[in-house]
Amino acid sequence: MVESVVIIADQSPTGKNSAAEAIRIGSGFVALGESINCQIVLTGDAVYLLNKHATPTVVGMDPVDEFLEIADLSDLELYVLDKSLKDAGLTFEDLIEYENLKIISIDELIDLIEQADTCFRF
């Protein structure tokens, strides 16, 4: 039985819902009960999803608040890869406030993947 899942989102949120859907799926895993632990890792251009200065509705995308509320209700853990954040020209202060948000290194990402029962890219 799968007890832990890591979902890695790496695609830009502009024009796609991949990163947002990864968070929705992760919230669903967590909502199944305490038996499935799920972490969402945003890498590459997916880090822009959490940019508090962005206005997704301008390009016809759903507001970030909608899916972060779902994530918050399920205590979903979100991670942002530090190198991706730096490559995007963003800092932790540029990100939306979310209690379970952590910045991790590539080594910490590797540890998350190694400890998980399954991992997939979304």
N, C-alpha and C. Protein backbone atom coordinates (compact mmCIF):
# COMPACT_ATOMS: atom_id res chain seq x y z
N MET A 1 0.83 -1.18 0.00
CA MET A 1 0.00 0.00 0.00
C MET A 1 0.89 1.25 0.00
N VAL A 2 0.47 2.24 -0.74
CA VAL A 2 1.20 3.51 -0.82
C VAL A 2 0.87 4.33 0.42
N GLU A 3 1.91 4.73 1.15
CA GLU A 3 1.71 5.54 2.35
C GLU A 3 2.26 6.95 2.20
N SER A 4 3.14 7.17 1.19
CA SER A 4 3.69 8.51 0.99
C SER A 4 3.92 8.79 -0.49
N VAL A 5 3.61 10.02 -0.87
CA VAL A 5 3.69 10.44 -2.26
C VAL A 5 4.38 11.80 -2.34
N VAL A 6 5.27 11.95 -3.31
CA VAL A 6 5.85 13.25 -3.62
C VAL A 6 5.42 13.59 -5.04
N ILE A 7 4.80 14.75 -5.20
CA ILE A 7 4.39 15.22 -6.52
C ILE A 7 5.26 16.42 -6.87
N ILE A 8 5.93 16.33 -8.01
CA ILE A 8 6.81 17.41 -8.46
C ILE A 8 6.13 18.13 -9.62
N ALA A 9 5.93 19.42 -9.46
CA ALA A 9 5.36 20.26 -10.52
C ALA A 9 6.47 21.18 -11.02
N ASP A 10 6.66 21.21 -12.33
CA ASP A 10 7.76 22.02 -12.87
C ASP A 10 7.36 22.91 -14.04
N GLN A 11 6.08 22.93 -14.38
CA GLN A 11 5.65 23.70 -15.53
C GLN A 11 5.07 25.05 -15.11
N SER A 12 5.24 26.02 -15.97
CA SER A 12 4.73 27.37 -15.71
C SER A 12 3.23 27.33 -15.47
N PRO A 13 2.75 28.10 -14.50
CA PRO A 13 1.31 28.14 -14.26
C PRO A 13 0.55 28.98 -15.29
N THR A 14 1.27 29.73 -16.11
CA THR A 14 0.62 30.58 -17.11
C THR A 14 0.19 29.73 -18.29
N GLY A 15 -1.10 29.68 -18.53
CA GLY A 15 -1.64 28.92 -19.65
C GLY A 15 -1.85 27.46 -19.35
N LYS A 16 -1.45 27.01 -18.17
CA LYS A 16 -1.61 25.61 -17.78
C LYS A 16 -2.08 25.56 -16.34
N ASN A 17 -2.74 24.50 -15.99
CA ASN A 17 -3.18 24.32 -14.61
C ASN A 17 -2.38 23.24 -13.90
N SER A 18 -1.27 22.78 -14.48
CA SER A 18 -0.54 21.65 -13.93
C SER A 18 -0.13 21.83 -12.47
N ALA A 19 0.49 22.96 -12.14
CA ALA A 19 0.96 23.18 -10.77
C ALA A 19 -0.23 23.28 -9.80
N ALA A 20 -1.26 23.98 -10.20
CA ALA A 20 -2.46 24.11 -9.35
C ALA A 20 -3.13 22.75 -9.18
N GLU A 21 -3.21 21.98 -10.25
CA GLU A 21 -3.82 20.65 -10.16
C GLU A 21 -2.99 19.71 -9.29
N ALA A 22 -1.68 19.86 -9.30
CA ALA A 22 -0.82 19.05 -8.43
C ALA A 22 -1.19 19.31 -6.97
N ILE A 23 -1.44 20.56 -6.63
CA ILE A 23 -1.83 20.90 -5.26
C ILE A 23 -3.21 20.35 -4.95
N ARG A 24 -4.12 20.42 -5.90
CA ARG A 24 -5.46 19.85 -5.67
C ARG A 24 -5.39 18.34 -5.47
N ILE A 25 -4.58 17.66 -6.27
CA ILE A 25 -4.42 16.21 -6.15
C ILE A 25 -3.79 15.87 -4.80
N GLY A 26 -2.76 16.63 -4.43
CA GLY A 26 -2.11 16.40 -3.14
C GLY A 26 -3.08 16.57 -1.99
N SER A 27 -3.93 17.58 -2.07
CA SER A 27 -4.95 17.80 -1.04
C SER A 27 -5.91 16.62 -0.98
N GLY A 28 -6.21 16.07 -2.13
CA GLY A 28 -7.08 14.89 -2.18
C GLY A 28 -6.45 13.68 -1.52
N PHE A 29 -5.15 13.47 -1.76
CA PHE A 29 -4.45 12.36 -1.10
C PHE A 29 -4.51 12.53 0.41
N VAL A 30 -4.22 13.72 0.89
CA VAL A 30 -4.21 13.98 2.33
C VAL A 30 -5.62 13.82 2.90
N ALA A 31 -6.64 14.22 2.14
CA ALA A 31 -8.02 14.12 2.61
C ALA A 31 -8.48 12.67 2.74
N LEU A 32 -7.77 11.74 2.10
CA LEU A 32 -8.14 10.33 2.20
C LEU A 32 -7.93 9.77 3.60
N GLY A 33 -7.20 10.49 4.39
CA GLY A 33 -6.95 10.04 5.76
C GLY A 33 -5.49 10.15 6.10
N GLU A 34 -5.18 9.78 7.29
CA GLU A 34 -3.81 9.89 7.76
C GLU A 34 -2.88 8.87 7.14
N SER A 35 -3.40 7.94 6.38
CA SER A 35 -2.57 6.87 5.85
C SER A 35 -1.72 7.29 4.65
N ILE A 36 -2.05 8.41 3.99
CA ILE A 36 -1.26 8.85 2.84
C ILE A 36 -0.66 10.22 3.14
N ASN A 37 0.65 10.25 3.21
CA ASN A 37 1.39 11.49 3.41
C ASN A 37 1.79 12.01 2.03
N CYS A 38 1.53 13.28 1.76
CA CYS A 38 1.83 13.83 0.43
C CYS A 38 2.54 15.16 0.56
N GLN A 39 3.58 15.32 -0.24
CA GLN A 39 4.28 16.59 -0.33
C GLN A 39 4.28 17.03 -1.79
N ILE A 40 4.09 18.34 -1.99
CA ILE A 40 4.13 18.92 -3.32
C ILE A 40 5.41 19.74 -3.41
N VAL A 41 6.18 19.52 -4.48
CA VAL A 41 7.41 20.27 -4.69
C VAL A 41 7.27 21.07 -5.98
N LEU A 42 7.45 22.39 -5.88
CA LEU A 42 7.42 23.25 -7.05
C LEU A 42 8.85 23.54 -7.48
N THR A 43 9.16 23.20 -8.71
CA THR A 43 10.48 23.44 -9.27
C THR A 43 10.30 24.16 -10.60
N GLY A 44 11.41 24.58 -11.19
CA GLY A 44 11.34 25.23 -12.49
C GLY A 44 10.38 26.40 -12.46
N ASP A 45 9.66 26.59 -13.57
CA ASP A 45 8.73 27.71 -13.69
C ASP A 45 7.49 27.58 -12.80
N ALA A 46 7.26 26.42 -12.22
CA ALA A 46 6.10 26.25 -11.34
C ALA A 46 6.18 27.13 -10.10
N VAL A 47 7.38 27.60 -9.75
CA VAL A 47 7.51 28.47 -8.57
C VAL A 47 6.74 29.77 -8.75
N TYR A 48 6.51 30.18 -9.98
CA TYR A 48 5.75 31.41 -10.23
C TYR A 48 4.30 31.30 -9.72
N LEU A 49 3.81 30.10 -9.54
CA LEU A 49 2.45 29.91 -9.05
C LEU A 49 2.24 30.60 -7.70
N LEU A 50 3.27 30.61 -6.87
CA LEU A 50 3.14 31.16 -5.52
C LEU A 50 3.62 32.60 -5.40
N ASN A 51 3.90 33.24 -6.51
CA ASN A 51 4.34 34.64 -6.51
C ASN A 51 3.17 35.53 -6.08
N LYS A 52 3.32 36.18 -4.93
CA LYS A 52 2.22 37.00 -4.42
C LYS A 52 1.98 38.26 -5.24
N HIS A 53 2.91 38.61 -6.12
CA HIS A 53 2.76 39.80 -6.95
C HIS A 53 2.06 39.50 -8.28
N ALA A 54 1.83 38.24 -8.56
CA ALA A 54 1.19 37.85 -9.82
C ALA A 54 -0.33 38.04 -9.73
N THR A 55 -0.94 38.29 -10.87
CA THR A 55 -2.40 38.38 -10.96
C THR A 55 -2.87 37.40 -12.03
N PRO A 56 -3.07 36.14 -11.64
CA PRO A 56 -3.42 35.10 -12.61
C PRO A 56 -4.71 35.36 -13.37
N THR A 57 -5.64 36.09 -12.78
CA THR A 57 -6.91 36.34 -13.45
C THR A 57 -6.73 37.19 -14.71
N VAL A 58 -5.65 37.95 -14.78
CA VAL A 58 -5.38 38.78 -15.96
C VAL A 58 -5.18 37.92 -17.20
N VAL A 59 -4.64 36.72 -17.01
CA VAL A 59 -4.41 35.82 -18.14
C VAL A 59 -5.42 34.67 -18.16
N GLY A 60 -6.53 34.87 -17.46
CA GLY A 60 -7.61 33.88 -17.50
C GLY A 60 -7.39 32.66 -16.63
N MET A 61 -6.52 32.76 -15.64
CA MET A 61 -6.25 31.62 -14.76
C MET A 61 -7.04 31.79 -13.45
N ASP A 62 -7.23 30.68 -12.76
CA ASP A 62 -7.92 30.71 -11.47
C ASP A 62 -7.06 31.44 -10.43
N PRO A 63 -7.69 32.14 -9.51
CA PRO A 63 -6.93 32.78 -8.43
C PRO A 63 -6.27 31.73 -7.54
N VAL A 64 -5.11 32.05 -7.02
CA VAL A 64 -4.33 31.14 -6.19
C VAL A 64 -5.05 30.83 -4.88
N ASP A 65 -5.78 31.78 -4.37
CA ASP A 65 -6.46 31.61 -3.08
C ASP A 65 -7.35 30.37 -3.05
N GLU A 66 -7.99 30.09 -4.17
CA GLU A 66 -8.94 28.98 -4.24
C GLU A 66 -8.31 27.64 -3.88
N PHE A 67 -7.21 27.29 -4.52
CA PHE A 67 -6.61 25.98 -4.26
C PHE A 67 -5.72 25.99 -3.03
N LEU A 68 -5.21 27.14 -2.63
CA LEU A 68 -4.42 27.19 -1.39
C LEU A 68 -5.32 27.03 -0.16
N GLU A 69 -6.56 27.44 -0.27
CA GLU A 69 -7.50 27.22 0.83
C GLU A 69 -7.74 25.73 1.02
N ILE A 70 -7.88 25.02 -0.07
CA ILE A 70 -8.05 23.56 -0.01
C ILE A 70 -6.81 22.92 0.59
N ALA A 71 -5.63 23.37 0.14
CA ALA A 71 -4.37 22.83 0.67
C ALA A 71 -4.25 23.10 2.16
N ASP A 72 -4.62 24.31 2.57
CA ASP A 72 -4.53 24.69 3.97
C ASP A 72 -5.45 23.84 4.84
N LEU A 73 -6.65 23.59 4.37
CA LEU A 73 -7.60 22.77 5.13
C LEU A 73 -7.08 21.35 5.35
N SER A 74 -6.27 20.86 4.42
CA SER A 74 -5.74 19.51 4.53
C SER A 74 -4.31 19.48 5.09
N ASP A 75 -3.78 20.64 5.49
CA ASP A 75 -2.41 20.73 6.01
C ASP A 75 -1.38 20.15 5.03
N LEU A 76 -1.60 20.38 3.77
CA LEU A 76 -0.69 19.88 2.73
C LEU A 76 0.65 20.60 2.82
N GLU A 77 1.72 19.84 2.72
CA GLU A 77 3.06 20.40 2.75
C GLU A 77 3.49 20.81 1.34
N LEU A 78 3.88 22.07 1.19
CA LEU A 78 4.38 22.58 -0.09
C LEU A 78 5.85 22.93 0.06
N TYR A 79 6.62 22.57 -0.96
CA TYR A 79 8.04 22.86 -0.97
C TYR A 79 8.39 23.59 -2.27
N VAL A 80 9.34 24.50 -2.17
CA VAL A 80 9.86 25.20 -3.35
C VAL A 80 11.35 24.95 -3.39
N LEU A 81 11.84 24.55 -4.55
CA LEU A 81 13.27 24.31 -4.71
C LEU A 81 14.01 25.64 -4.73
N ASP A 82 15.02 25.76 -3.86
CA ASP A 82 15.72 27.04 -3.71
C ASP A 82 16.35 27.53 -5.01
N LYS A 83 16.93 26.63 -5.78
CA LYS A 83 17.57 27.03 -7.04
C LYS A 83 16.54 27.57 -8.03
N SER A 84 15.38 26.96 -8.09
CA SER A 84 14.32 27.42 -8.99
C SER A 84 13.82 28.80 -8.57
N LEU A 85 13.72 29.01 -7.27
CA LEU A 85 13.30 30.31 -6.76
C LEU A 85 14.31 31.39 -7.16
N LYS A 86 15.58 31.06 -6.99
CA LYS A 86 16.65 32.00 -7.36
C LYS A 86 16.65 32.25 -8.86
N ASP A 87 16.51 31.19 -9.65
CA ASP A 87 16.50 31.33 -11.12
C ASP A 87 15.34 32.21 -11.58
N ALA A 88 14.24 32.19 -10.84
CA ALA A 88 13.06 32.99 -11.19
C ALA A 88 13.21 34.44 -10.71
N GLY A 89 14.28 34.71 -9.99
CA GLY A 89 14.47 36.07 -9.47
C GLY A 89 13.56 36.39 -8.30
N LEU A 90 13.10 35.35 -7.60
CA LEU A 90 12.19 35.52 -6.47
C LEU A 90 12.89 35.18 -5.16
N THR A 91 12.36 35.70 -4.07
CA THR A 91 12.82 35.35 -2.74
C THR A 91 11.63 34.79 -1.96
N PHE A 92 11.90 34.28 -0.77
CA PHE A 92 10.83 33.76 0.07
C PHE A 92 9.79 34.84 0.36
N GLU A 93 10.23 36.07 0.50
CA GLU A 93 9.33 37.18 0.78
C GLU A 93 8.39 37.48 -0.39
N ASP A 94 8.74 37.04 -1.60
CA ASP A 94 7.89 37.24 -2.78
C ASP A 94 6.77 36.21 -2.87
N LEU A 95 6.81 35.20 -2.02
CA LEU A 95 5.84 34.12 -2.10
C LEU A 95 4.62 34.39 -1.23
N ILE A 96 3.52 33.82 -1.64
CA ILE A 96 2.27 33.88 -0.90
C ILE A 96 2.49 33.26 0.47
N GLU A 97 1.90 33.85 1.49
CA GLU A 97 2.01 33.30 2.83
C GLU A 97 1.21 32.01 2.93
N TYR A 98 1.91 30.96 3.34
CA TYR A 98 1.28 29.66 3.52
C TYR A 98 2.07 28.95 4.63
N GLU A 99 1.38 28.56 5.66
CA GLU A 99 2.04 28.03 6.85
C GLU A 99 2.94 26.82 6.57
N ASN A 100 2.52 25.93 5.71
CA ASN A 100 3.27 24.71 5.43
C ASN A 100 4.14 24.82 4.18
N LEU A 101 4.72 25.99 3.96
CA LEU A 101 5.60 26.22 2.81
C LEU A 101 7.04 26.26 3.28
N LYS A 102 7.87 25.47 2.61
CA LYS A 102 9.29 25.43 2.96
C LYS A 102 10.14 25.52 1.70
N ILE A 103 11.27 26.16 1.83
CA ILE A 103 12.26 26.21 0.75
C ILE A 103 13.24 25.07 1.00
N ILE A 104 13.51 24.28 -0.04
CA ILE A 104 14.42 23.15 0.14
C ILE A 104 15.52 23.17 -0.93
N SER A 105 16.60 22.50 -0.61
CA SER A 105 17.71 22.35 -1.54
C SER A 105 17.50 21.10 -2.39
N ILE A 106 18.34 20.93 -3.38
CA ILE A 106 18.25 19.73 -4.23
C ILE A 106 18.52 18.47 -3.41
N ASP A 107 19.43 18.55 -2.43
CA ASP A 107 19.70 17.39 -1.58
C ASP A 107 18.48 17.02 -0.74
N GLU A 108 17.76 18.03 -0.25
CA GLU A 108 16.54 17.76 0.52
C GLU A 108 15.45 17.18 -0.38
N LEU A 109 15.40 17.63 -1.63
CA LEU A 109 14.45 17.06 -2.58
C LEU A 109 14.76 15.58 -2.82
N ILE A 110 16.02 15.29 -2.99
CA ILE A 110 16.43 13.89 -3.19
C ILE A 110 16.01 13.04 -1.99
N ASP A 111 16.20 13.57 -0.78
CA ASP A 111 15.78 12.84 0.42
C ASP A 111 14.27 12.59 0.43
N LEU A 112 13.48 13.61 0.06
CA LEU A 112 12.03 13.45 0.00
C LEU A 112 11.65 12.32 -0.96
N ILE A 113 12.28 12.34 -2.13
CA ILE A 113 11.97 11.32 -3.14
C ILE A 113 12.38 9.93 -2.66
N GLU A 114 13.56 9.83 -2.05
CA GLU A 114 14.03 8.53 -1.58
C GLU A 114 13.15 7.96 -0.47
N GLN A 115 12.58 8.82 0.37
CA GLN A 115 11.76 8.38 1.49
C GLN A 115 10.32 8.06 1.08
N ALA A 116 9.90 8.56 -0.08
CA ALA A 116 8.50 8.36 -0.51
C ALA A 116 8.31 6.97 -1.13
N ASP A 117 7.10 6.47 -0.99
CA ASP A 117 6.75 5.20 -1.64
C ASP A 117 6.64 5.38 -3.15
N THR A 118 6.16 6.54 -3.55
CA THR A 118 6.05 6.82 -4.97
C THR A 118 6.22 8.32 -5.22
N CYS A 119 6.64 8.63 -6.43
CA CYS A 119 6.88 10.02 -6.80
C CYS A 119 6.48 10.18 -8.27
N PHE A 120 5.83 11.27 -8.58
CA PHE A 120 5.55 11.53 -9.99
C PHE A 120 5.59 13.00 -10.29
N ARG A 121 5.81 13.28 -11.56
CA ARG A 121 5.90 14.66 -12.05
C ARG A 121 4.55 15.02 -12.66
N PHE A 122 4.09 16.18 -12.32
CA PHE A 122 2.79 16.60 -12.80
C PHE A 122 2.93 17.90 -13.55
